[in-house]
């Protein structure tokens, strides 16, 4: 008789000093690590770790942008700089926010997104 295997899930601790937005962003970021099974990955250098963190941040931003679009109904006239400022994320994620905003606008309005070439992801 085979006994069912149980998976050990590590607890997640979130700093209680974070405000509601910061807590939500943290939960989304950590959810991405869980969904990507990052805890099972063997990391041998900081480049691999940076990539895992970047992918988790992209997931977080994608989900936040969907929620913001549902609430505020983005249009091509929406000022994405206000979104960047209100989320207050590290500057190296600004390009991800812009990309996600352009993707939403492109999907909603059938527009070709504007692609800025002078920024890069760290």
Foldseek 3Di string as FASTA:
>chain_A
DDDDDDDDDDDDDDDPVDDPLVVLLVVQLVVQCVVVVVVPDDDDDVVVVVVSSVSSNLRSLLVVVVVVCVVPVDEPPDDLVVVCVVSVDPPLCSQSNLVSSQVVNCVVPVDDGDDDDPHDHD
